[in-house]
Amino acid sequence: MRILLLGGTGEARALAAALHPDVEVISSLAGRVPDPALPVGQVRIGGFGGVDGMRRWLADTPVDAVVDATHPFAATITSHAAEACADLGLPHLLLARPAWPPGDAIVVQSDREAAEKVARKGFSRVFLTTGRTGVAAFRDSDAWVLIRAVTPPDAEVLPRHHDLLLSRGPYRYDDELAVLRTHRIDALVTKNSGGDMTRPKLDAAAALGIPVVMVDRPPLPPGVRTVATVAEAVAWLSASVR
């Protein structure tokens, strides 16, 4: 069996390891993060050139199935994979980690709406953990923004008052408490990425009574088969392909 695994997440690396060496896995990474953690097996880095490019790649590199284990907010590649696989009649699965229950969080639909909510609520010291792509929405913010990202955002999108915290998870609860206290944060802005790796910031914010503004996940393409765990993905491959 040979599969294309759209990865870049811990779940994708775990799935590649679970399938190795019985299944030939070609893991595809977007290439946006320098020095990424690499899975076992073959790896390709870079985009496909839109849905047409992905369709051509799949035609030129025959695979038995495509598993999308990208980040929950990688909506473009998820949409392209669903469309290309439907066109070619390829088995296609989305491995999506469960979302966090929003609880008391202020749920918004976009980074821009998050910035607008911060302004309306009058938050003045914001911990922004939406990644480098979410920074542009806060460019004109009056708040002081602590930006946590793996790679630095482009200089032209940085808020007037900010500091950068370059790091990569997983994160610990005690460390997140220290960040919130040291920087006197009065609002946490995050995406609903789900999973345990970055969950501690929510627990720390709750312990300190700090409001959370949470960007909701983008909708999934209609009709996509979805599982929540690596074990379920392995079982689906076994049943659907073998």
C-alpha atoms as a PDB file:
ATOM      1  CA  MET A   1       0.000   0.000   0.000  1.00  0.00           C
ATOM      2  CA  ARG A   2       1.168   3.535  -0.738  1.00  0.00           C
ATOM      3  CA  ILE A   3      -0.515   6.601   0.723  1.00  0.00           C
ATOM      4  CA  LEU A   4      -0.089  10.343   0.518  1.00  0.00           C
ATOM      5  CA  LEU A   5      -0.118  11.758   4.043  1.00  0.00           C
ATOM      6  CA  LEU A   6      -0.696  15.502   4.235  1.00  0.00           C
ATOM      7  CA  GLY A   7       1.110  16.292   7.445  1.00  0.00           C
ATOM      8  CA  GLY A   8       2.977  18.787   9.538  1.00  0.00           C
ATOM      9  CA  THR A   9       1.254  17.827  12.798  1.00  0.00           C
ATOM     10  CA  GLY A  10       2.040  15.490  15.653  1.00  0.00           C
ATOM     11  CA  GLU A  11      -0.845  13.275  14.576  1.00  0.00           C
ATOM     12  CA  ALA A  12       0.626  12.967  11.081  1.00  0.00           C
ATOM     13  CA  ARG A  13       4.022  11.937  12.452  1.00  0.00           C
ATOM     14  CA  ALA A  14       2.375   9.410  14.762  1.00  0.00           C
ATOM     15  CA  LEU A  15       0.370   7.955  11.874  1.00  0.00           C
ATOM     16  CA  ALA A  16       3.472   7.649   9.680  1.00  0.00           C
ATOM     17  CA  ALA A  17       5.237   5.829  12.511  1.00  0.00           C
ATOM     18  CA  ALA A  18       2.261   3.521  13.095  1.00  0.00           C
ATOM     19  CA  LEU A  19       2.166   2.524   9.416  1.00  0.00           C
ATOM     20  CA  HIS A  20       5.931   2.122   8.967  1.00  0.00           C
ATOM     21  CA  PRO A  21       7.315  -0.133   7.496  1.00  0.00           C
ATOM     22  CA  ASP A  22       4.257  -2.038   6.257  1.00  0.00           C
ATOM     23  CA  VAL A  23       2.835   0.894   4.297  1.00  0.00           C
ATOM     24  CA  GLU A  24       4.742   3.174   1.941  1.00  0.00           C
ATOM     25  CA  VAL A  25       3.990   6.644   3.264  1.00  0.00           C
ATOM     26  CA  ILE A  26       4.770   9.823   1.340  1.00  0.00           C
ATOM     27  CA  SER A  27       4.419  12.648   3.852  1.00  0.00           C
ATOM     28  CA  SER A  28       3.828  16.103   2.399  1.00  0.00           C
ATOM     29  CA  LEU A  29       4.767  19.213   4.396  1.00  0.00           C
ATOM     30  CA  ALA A  30       3.864  22.740   3.397  1.00  0.00           C
ATOM     31  CA  GLY A  31       7.387  24.033   4.033  1.00  0.00           C
ATOM     32  CA  ARG A  32       6.355  27.106   5.999  1.00  0.00           C
ATOM     33  CA  VAL A  33       8.262  26.159   9.155  1.00  0.00           C
ATOM     34  CA  PRO A  34      12.075  26.049   9.083  1.00  0.00           C
ATOM     35  CA  ASP A  35      13.661  22.864  10.436  1.00  0.00           C
ATOM     36  CA  PRO A  36      10.357  20.986  10.803  1.00  0.00           C
ATOM     37  CA  ALA A  37      10.050  17.788  12.815  1.00  0.00           C
ATOM     38  CA  LEU A  38      10.183  15.099  10.130  1.00  0.00           C
ATOM     39  CA  PRO A  39       8.191  11.869  10.084  1.00  0.00           C
ATOM     40  CA  VAL A  40       9.582   8.463   9.183  1.00  0.00           C
ATOM     41  CA  GLY A  41       9.438   7.505   5.528  1.00  0.00           C
ATOM     42  CA  GLN A  42       9.495   9.619   2.385  1.00  0.00           C
ATOM     43  CA  VAL A  43       8.946  13.365   2.712  1.00  0.00           C
ATOM     44  CA  ARG A  44       8.092  15.997   0.117  1.00  0.00           C
ATOM     45  CA  ILE A  45       8.139  19.676   1.043  1.00  0.00           C
ATOM     46  CA  GLY A  46       6.192  22.443  -0.669  1.00  0.00           C
ATOM     47  CA  GLY A  47       2.765  23.102  -2.117  1.00  0.00           C
ATOM     48  CA  PHE A  48       1.118  21.332  -5.017  1.00  0.00           C
ATOM     49  CA  GLY A  49       0.038  24.383  -7.007  1.00  0.00           C
ATOM     50  CA  GLY A  50      -3.629  24.428  -6.105  1.00  0.00           C
ATOM     51  CA  VAL A  51      -6.209  21.727  -6.657  1.00  0.00           C
ATOM     52  CA  ASP A  52      -5.138  21.287 -10.285  1.00  0.00           C
ATOM     53  CA  GLY A  53      -1.550  20.754  -9.196  1.00  0.00           C
ATOM     54  CA  MET A  54      -2.586  18.214  -6.591  1.00  0.00           C
ATOM     55  CA  ARG A  55      -4.708  16.392  -9.137  1.00  0.00           C
ATOM     56  CA  ARG A  56      -1.733  16.221 -11.508  1.00  0.00           C
ATOM     57  CA  TRP A  57       0.596  15.052  -8.740  1.00  0.00           C
ATOM     58  CA  LEU A  58      -1.794  12.256  -7.786  1.00  0.00           C
ATOM     59  CA  ALA A  59      -2.097  11.218 -11.418  1.00  0.00           C
ATOM     60  CA  ASP A  60       1.694  11.135 -11.824  1.00  0.00           C
ATOM     61  CA  THR A  61       2.389   9.479  -8.462  1.00  0.00           C
ATOM     62  CA  PRO A  62      -0.235   6.766  -7.979  1.00  0.00           C
ATOM     63  CA  VAL A  63      -1.305   6.207  -4.380  1.00  0.00           C
ATOM     64  CA  ASP A  64      -3.962   3.994  -2.854  1.00  0.00           C
ATOM     65  CA  ALA A  65      -5.364   6.641  -0.518  1.00  0.00           C
ATOM     66  CA  VAL A  66      -4.876  10.175   0.775  1.00  0.00           C
ATOM     67  CA  VAL A  67      -4.960  10.966   4.480  1.00  0.00           C
ATOM     68  CA  ASP A  68      -5.212  14.627   5.446  1.00  0.00           C
ATOM     69  CA  ALA A  69      -3.673  15.127   8.888  1.00  0.00           C
ATOM     70  CA  THR A  70      -2.905  18.822   8.508  1.00  0.00           C
ATOM     71  CA  HIS A  71      -3.618  21.525  11.073  1.00  0.00           C
ATOM     72  CA  PRO A  72      -7.333  22.126  11.721  1.00  0.00           C
ATOM     73  CA  PHE A  73      -6.965  25.637  10.239  1.00  0.00           C
ATOM     74  CA  ALA A  74      -5.255  24.491   7.027  1.00  0.00           C
ATOM     75  CA  ALA A  75      -8.549  24.952   5.224  1.00  0.00           C
ATOM     76  CA  THR A  76      -7.130  25.470   1.727  1.00  0.00           C
ATOM     77  CA  ILE A  77      -5.163  22.230   1.483  1.00  0.00           C
ATOM     78  CA  THR A  78      -8.043  20.331   3.111  1.00  0.00           C
ATOM     79  CA  SER A  79     -10.455  21.661   0.500  1.00  0.00           C
ATOM     80  CA  HIS A  80      -8.053  20.927  -2.359  1.00  0.00           C
ATOM     81  CA  ALA A  81      -7.446  17.366  -1.169  1.00  0.00           C
ATOM     82  CA  ALA A  82     -11.158  16.660  -0.883  1.00  0.00           C
ATOM     83  CA  GLU A  83     -11.836  17.974  -4.383  1.00  0.00           C
ATOM     84  CA  ALA A  84      -8.884  16.234  -6.050  1.00  0.00           C
ATOM     85  CA  CYS A  85      -9.659  12.887  -4.436  1.00  0.00           C
ATOM     86  CA  ALA A  86     -13.335  13.139  -5.381  1.00  0.00           C
ATOM     87  CA  ASP A  87     -12.384  13.880  -8.989  1.00  0.00           C
ATOM     88  CA  LEU A  88     -10.017  10.903  -9.143  1.00  0.00           C
ATOM     89  CA  GLY A  89     -12.135   8.505  -7.098  1.00  0.00           C
ATOM     90  CA  LEU A  90      -9.382   8.097  -4.490  1.00  0.00           C
ATOM     91  CA  PRO A  91     -10.149   6.992  -0.920  1.00  0.00           C
ATOM     92  CA  HIS A  92      -9.721  10.074   1.241  1.00  0.00           C
ATOM     93  CA  LEU A  93      -9.735  10.524   5.005  1.00  0.00           C
ATOM     94  CA  LEU A  94      -9.405  13.534   7.299  1.00  0.00           C
ATOM     95  CA  LEU A  95      -7.652  12.909  10.614  1.00  0.00           C
ATOM     96  CA  ALA A  96      -8.790  15.850  12.750  1.00  0.00           C
ATOM     97  CA  ARG A  97      -7.990  16.167  16.428  1.00  0.00           C
ATOM     98  CA  PRO A  98     -11.086  17.041  18.495  1.00  0.00           C
ATOM     99  CA  ALA A  99     -11.737  20.733  19.075  1.00  0.00           C
ATOM    100  CA  TRP A 100     -11.567  22.206  22.562  1.00  0.00           C
ATOM    101  CA  PRO A 101     -14.900  22.825  24.262  1.00  0.00           C
ATOM    102  CA  PRO A 102     -15.147  26.635  24.154  1.00  0.00           C
ATOM    103  CA  GLY A 103     -16.486  26.910  27.692  1.00  0.00           C
ATOM    104  CA  ASP A 104     -16.629  30.589  28.667  1.00  0.00           C
ATOM    105  CA  ALA A 105     -14.454  31.703  25.741  1.00  0.00           C
ATOM    106  CA  ILE A 106     -15.595  34.497  23.443  1.00  0.00           C
ATOM    107  CA  VAL A 107     -15.964  32.599  20.163  1.00  0.00           C
ATOM    108  CA  VAL A 108     -15.269  34.486  16.930  1.00  0.00           C
ATOM    109  CA  GLN A 109     -15.063  33.422  13.298  1.00  0.00           C
ATOM    110  CA  SER A 110     -11.841  35.069  12.138  1.00  0.00           C
ATOM    111  CA  ASP A 111      -8.612  36.734  13.237  1.00  0.00           C
ATOM    112  CA  ARG A 112     -10.053  40.101  12.253  1.00  0.00           C
ATOM    113  CA  GLU A 113     -13.139  39.543  14.399  1.00  0.00           C
ATOM    114  CA  ALA A 114     -10.829  38.592  17.265  1.00  0.00           C
ATOM    115  CA  ALA A 115      -8.976  41.899  16.916  1.00  0.00           C
ATOM    116  CA  GLU A 116     -12.267  43.779  16.801  1.00  0.00           C
ATOM    117  CA  LYS A 117     -13.473  41.992  19.934  1.00  0.00           C
ATOM    118  CA  VAL A 118     -10.246  42.879  21.765  1.00  0.00           C
ATOM    119  CA  ALA A 119     -10.766  46.540  20.852  1.00  0.00           C
ATOM    120  CA  ARG A 120     -14.441  46.597  21.882  1.00  0.00           C
ATOM    121  CA  LYS A 121     -13.705  44.896  25.201  1.00  0.00           C
ATOM    122  CA  GLY A 122     -10.875  47.310  25.936  1.00  0.00           C
ATOM    123  CA  PHE A 123      -8.248  44.632  26.552  1.00  0.00           C
ATOM    124  CA  SER A 124      -4.847  46.289  26.837  1.00  0.00           C
ATOM    125  CA  ARG A 125      -2.306  43.441  27.171  1.00  0.00           C
ATOM    126  CA  VAL A 126      -2.983  40.551  24.823  1.00  0.00           C
ATOM    127  CA  PHE A 127      -1.287  37.169  24.499  1.00  0.00           C
ATOM    128  CA  LEU A 128      -1.688  36.334  20.793  1.00  0.00           C
ATOM    129  CA  THR A 129      -1.169  32.636  20.022  1.00  0.00           C
ATOM    130  CA  THR A 130      -2.831  32.331  16.611  1.00  0.00           C
ATOM    131  CA  GLY A 131       0.483  31.926  14.759  1.00  0.00           C
ATOM    132  CA  ARG A 132       2.254  34.279  12.397  1.00  0.00           C
ATOM    133  CA  THR A 133      -0.652  34.357   9.930  1.00  0.00           C
ATOM    134  CA  GLY A 134      -2.972  35.798  12.568  1.00  0.00           C
ATOM    135  CA  VAL A 135      -0.792  38.794  13.395  1.00  0.00           C
ATOM    136  CA  ALA A 136      -1.867  41.049  10.517  1.00  0.00           C
ATOM    137  CA  ALA A 137      -5.363  41.471  11.979  1.00  0.00           C
ATOM    138  CA  PHE A 138      -3.774  43.161  15.031  1.00  0.00           C
ATOM    139  CA  ARG A 139      -1.525  45.530  13.072  1.00  0.00           C
ATOM    140  CA  ASP A 140      -3.585  48.601  14.020  1.00  0.00           C
ATOM    141  CA  SER A 141      -4.455  47.441  17.531  1.00  0.00           C
ATOM    142  CA  ASP A 142      -4.043  49.916  20.387  1.00  0.00           C
ATOM    143  CA  ALA A 143      -3.267  47.047  22.747  1.00  0.00           C
ATOM    144  CA  TRP A 144       0.184  45.794  23.658  1.00  0.00           C
ATOM    145  CA  VAL A 145       0.469  42.362  22.056  1.00  0.00           C
ATOM    146  CA  LEU A 146       2.713  39.483  23.081  1.00  0.00           C
ATOM    147  CA  ILE A 147       3.017  37.429  19.892  1.00  0.00           C
ATOM    148  CA  ARG A 148       3.989  33.779  20.197  1.00  0.00           C
ATOM    149  CA  ALA A 149       4.972  32.078  16.960  1.00  0.00           C
ATOM    150  CA  VAL A 150       7.446  29.539  15.598  1.00  0.00           C
ATOM    151  CA  THR A 151       8.857  31.974  13.027  1.00  0.00           C
ATOM    152  CA  PRO A 152       8.808  35.791  13.110  1.00  0.00           C
ATOM    153  CA  PRO A 153       5.891  37.497  11.347  1.00  0.00           C
ATOM    154  CA  ASP A 154       6.640  39.947   8.560  1.00  0.00           C
ATOM    155  CA  ALA A 155       7.676  43.329   9.952  1.00  0.00           C
ATOM    156  CA  GLU A 156       4.953  45.240   8.102  1.00  0.00           C
ATOM    157  CA  VAL A 157       2.147  43.402   9.924  1.00  0.00           C
ATOM    158  CA  LEU A 158       3.463  43.846  13.464  1.00  0.00           C
ATOM    159  CA  PRO A 159       1.355  45.902  15.899  1.00  0.00           C
ATOM    160  CA  ARG A 160       2.717  49.238  17.089  1.00  0.00           C
ATOM    161  CA  HIS A 161       3.154  47.907  20.633  1.00  0.00           C
ATOM    162  CA  HIS A 162       4.334  44.332  20.744  1.00  0.00           C
ATOM    163  CA  ASP A 163       6.909  41.815  21.822  1.00  0.00           C
ATOM    164  CA  LEU A 164       7.841  38.536  20.138  1.00  0.00           C
ATOM    165  CA  LEU A 165       8.067  35.179  21.873  1.00  0.00           C
ATOM    166  CA  LEU A 166       9.487  32.683  19.391  1.00  0.00           C
ATOM    167  CA  SER A 167       8.964  29.108  20.519  1.00  0.00           C
ATOM    168  CA  ARG A 168       7.488  25.770  19.563  1.00  0.00           C
ATOM    169  CA  GLY A 169       5.284  23.562  21.725  1.00  0.00           C
ATOM    170  CA  PRO A 170       4.475  21.458  23.586  1.00  0.00           C
ATOM    171  CA  TYR A 171       3.923  23.859  26.479  1.00  0.00           C
ATOM    172  CA  ARG A 172       3.651  23.200  30.204  1.00  0.00           C
ATOM    173  CA  TYR A 173       1.006  24.583  32.527  1.00  0.00           C
ATOM    174  CA  ASP A 174       3.488  26.177  34.958  1.00  0.00           C
ATOM    175  CA  ASP A 175       5.319  27.882  32.104  1.00  0.00           C
ATOM    176  CA  GLU A 176       2.080  29.259  30.689  1.00  0.00           C
ATOM    177  CA  LEU A 177       1.128  30.608  34.101  1.00  0.00           C
ATOM    178  CA  ALA A 178       4.482  32.356  34.284  1.00  0.00           C
ATOM    179  CA  VAL A 179       4.038  33.938  30.838  1.00  0.00           C
ATOM    180  CA  LEU A 180       0.597  35.272  31.700  1.00  0.00           C
ATOM    181  CA  ARG A 181       1.698  36.650  35.055  1.00  0.00           C
ATOM    182  CA  THR A 182       5.046  38.086  33.953  1.00  0.00           C
ATOM    183  CA  HIS A 183       3.514  40.003  31.058  1.00  0.00           C
ATOM    184  CA  ARG A 184       0.374  41.026  32.997  1.00  0.00           C
ATOM    185  CA  ILE A 185      -1.860  39.594  30.271  1.00  0.00           C
ATOM    186  CA  ASP A 186      -5.538  40.548  30.403  1.00  0.00           C
ATOM    187  CA  ALA A 187      -6.747  38.553  27.367  1.00  0.00           C
ATOM    188  CA  LEU A 188      -5.653  35.384  25.579  1.00  0.00           C
ATOM    189  CA  VAL A 189      -6.365  35.125  21.844  1.00  0.00           C
ATOM    190  CA  THR A 190      -6.124  31.647  20.363  1.00  0.00           C
ATOM    191  CA  LYS A 191      -7.405  29.433  17.611  1.00  0.00           C
ATOM    192  CA  ASN A 192      -9.399  26.348  18.520  1.00  0.00           C
ATOM    193  CA  SER A 193      -6.599  24.041  17.463  1.00  0.00           C
ATOM    194  CA  GLY A 194      -7.518  21.286  19.911  1.00  0.00           C
ATOM    195  CA  GLY A 195      -5.133  18.684  21.285  1.00  0.00           C
ATOM    196  CA  ASP A 196      -2.984  18.515  24.396  1.00  0.00           C
ATOM    197  CA  MET A 197       0.186  20.212  23.118  1.00  0.00           C
ATOM    198  CA  THR A 198      -1.086  23.782  23.545  1.00  0.00           C
ATOM    199  CA  ARG A 199      -4.004  23.179  25.905  1.00  0.00           C
ATOM    200  CA  PRO A 200      -2.128  24.394  29.042  1.00  0.00           C
ATOM    201  CA  LYS A 201      -2.523  28.067  28.054  1.00  0.00           C
ATOM    202  CA  LEU A 202      -6.296  27.676  28.362  1.00  0.00           C
ATOM    203  CA  ASP A 203      -5.982  26.032  31.769  1.00  0.00           C
ATOM    204  CA  ALA A 204      -3.594  28.746  32.939  1.00  0.00           C
ATOM    205  CA  ALA A 205      -5.901  31.502  31.700  1.00  0.00           C
ATOM    206  CA  ALA A 206      -8.839  29.886  33.477  1.00  0.00           C
ATOM    207  CA  ALA A 207      -6.855  29.633  36.721  1.00  0.00           C
ATOM    208  CA  LEU A 208      -6.031  33.353  36.556  1.00  0.00           C
ATOM    209  CA  GLY A 209      -9.497  34.459  35.425  1.00  0.00           C
ATOM    210  CA  ILE A 210      -8.158  35.795  32.113  1.00  0.00           C
ATOM    211  CA  PRO A 211     -10.752  36.046  29.307  1.00  0.00           C
ATOM    212  CA  VAL A 212     -10.156  33.950  26.178  1.00  0.00           C
ATOM    213  CA  VAL A 213     -11.026  35.034  22.644  1.00  0.00           C
ATOM    214  CA  MET A 214     -11.170  31.857  20.535  1.00  0.00           C
ATOM    215  CA  VAL A 215     -11.237  31.708  16.742  1.00  0.00           C
ATOM    216  CA  ASP A 216     -13.581  28.921  15.669  1.00  0.00           C
ATOM    217  CA  ARG A 217     -12.492  26.296  13.163  1.00  0.00           C
ATOM    218  CA  PRO A 218     -13.267  26.729   9.481  1.00  0.00           C
ATOM    219  CA  PRO A 219     -16.007  24.446   8.122  1.00  0.00           C
ATOM    220  CA  LEU A 220     -14.979  21.153   6.556  1.00  0.00           C
ATOM    221  CA  PRO A 221     -15.712  20.297   2.931  1.00  0.00           C
ATOM    222  CA  PRO A 222     -19.052  18.480   2.661  1.00  0.00           C
ATOM    223  CA  GLY A 223     -19.019  14.706   2.698  1.00  0.00           C
ATOM    224  CA  VAL A 224     -15.478  14.230   3.996  1.00  0.00           C
ATOM    225  CA  ARG A 225     -14.915  11.109   6.097  1.00  0.00           C
ATOM    226  CA  THR A 226     -13.360  12.185   9.407  1.00  0.00           C
ATOM    227  CA  VAL A 227     -11.742  10.355  12.311  1.00  0.00           C
ATOM    228  CA  ALA A 228     -10.276  11.725  15.528  1.00  0.00           C
ATOM    229  CA  THR A 229      -7.401   9.360  16.361  1.00  0.00           C
ATOM    230  CA  VAL A 230      -4.415   7.715  14.750  1.00  0.00           C
ATOM    231  CA  ALA A 231      -5.803   4.273  15.629  1.00  0.00           C
ATOM    232  CA  GLU A 232      -9.030   5.058  13.773  1.00  0.00           C
ATOM    233  CA  ALA A 233      -7.035   6.200  10.734  1.00  0.00           C
ATOM    234  CA  VAL A 234      -5.039   2.962  10.718  1.00  0.00           C
ATOM    235  CA  ALA A 235      -8.256   0.930  10.950  1.00  0.00           C
ATOM    236  CA  TRP A 236      -9.850   2.938   8.114  1.00  0.00           C
ATOM    237  CA  LEU A 237      -6.867   2.347   5.859  1.00  0.00           C
ATOM    238  CA  SER A 238      -6.950  -1.356   6.583  1.00  0.00           C
ATOM    239  CA  ALA A 239     -10.666  -1.621   5.857  1.00  0.00           C
ATOM    240  CA  SER A 240     -10.887   0.770   2.945  1.00  0.00           C
ATOM    241  CA  VAL A 241      -7.753   0.010   0.971  1.00  0.00           C
ATOM    242  CA  ARG A 242      -6.508  -3.456   1.774  1.00  0.00           C
END
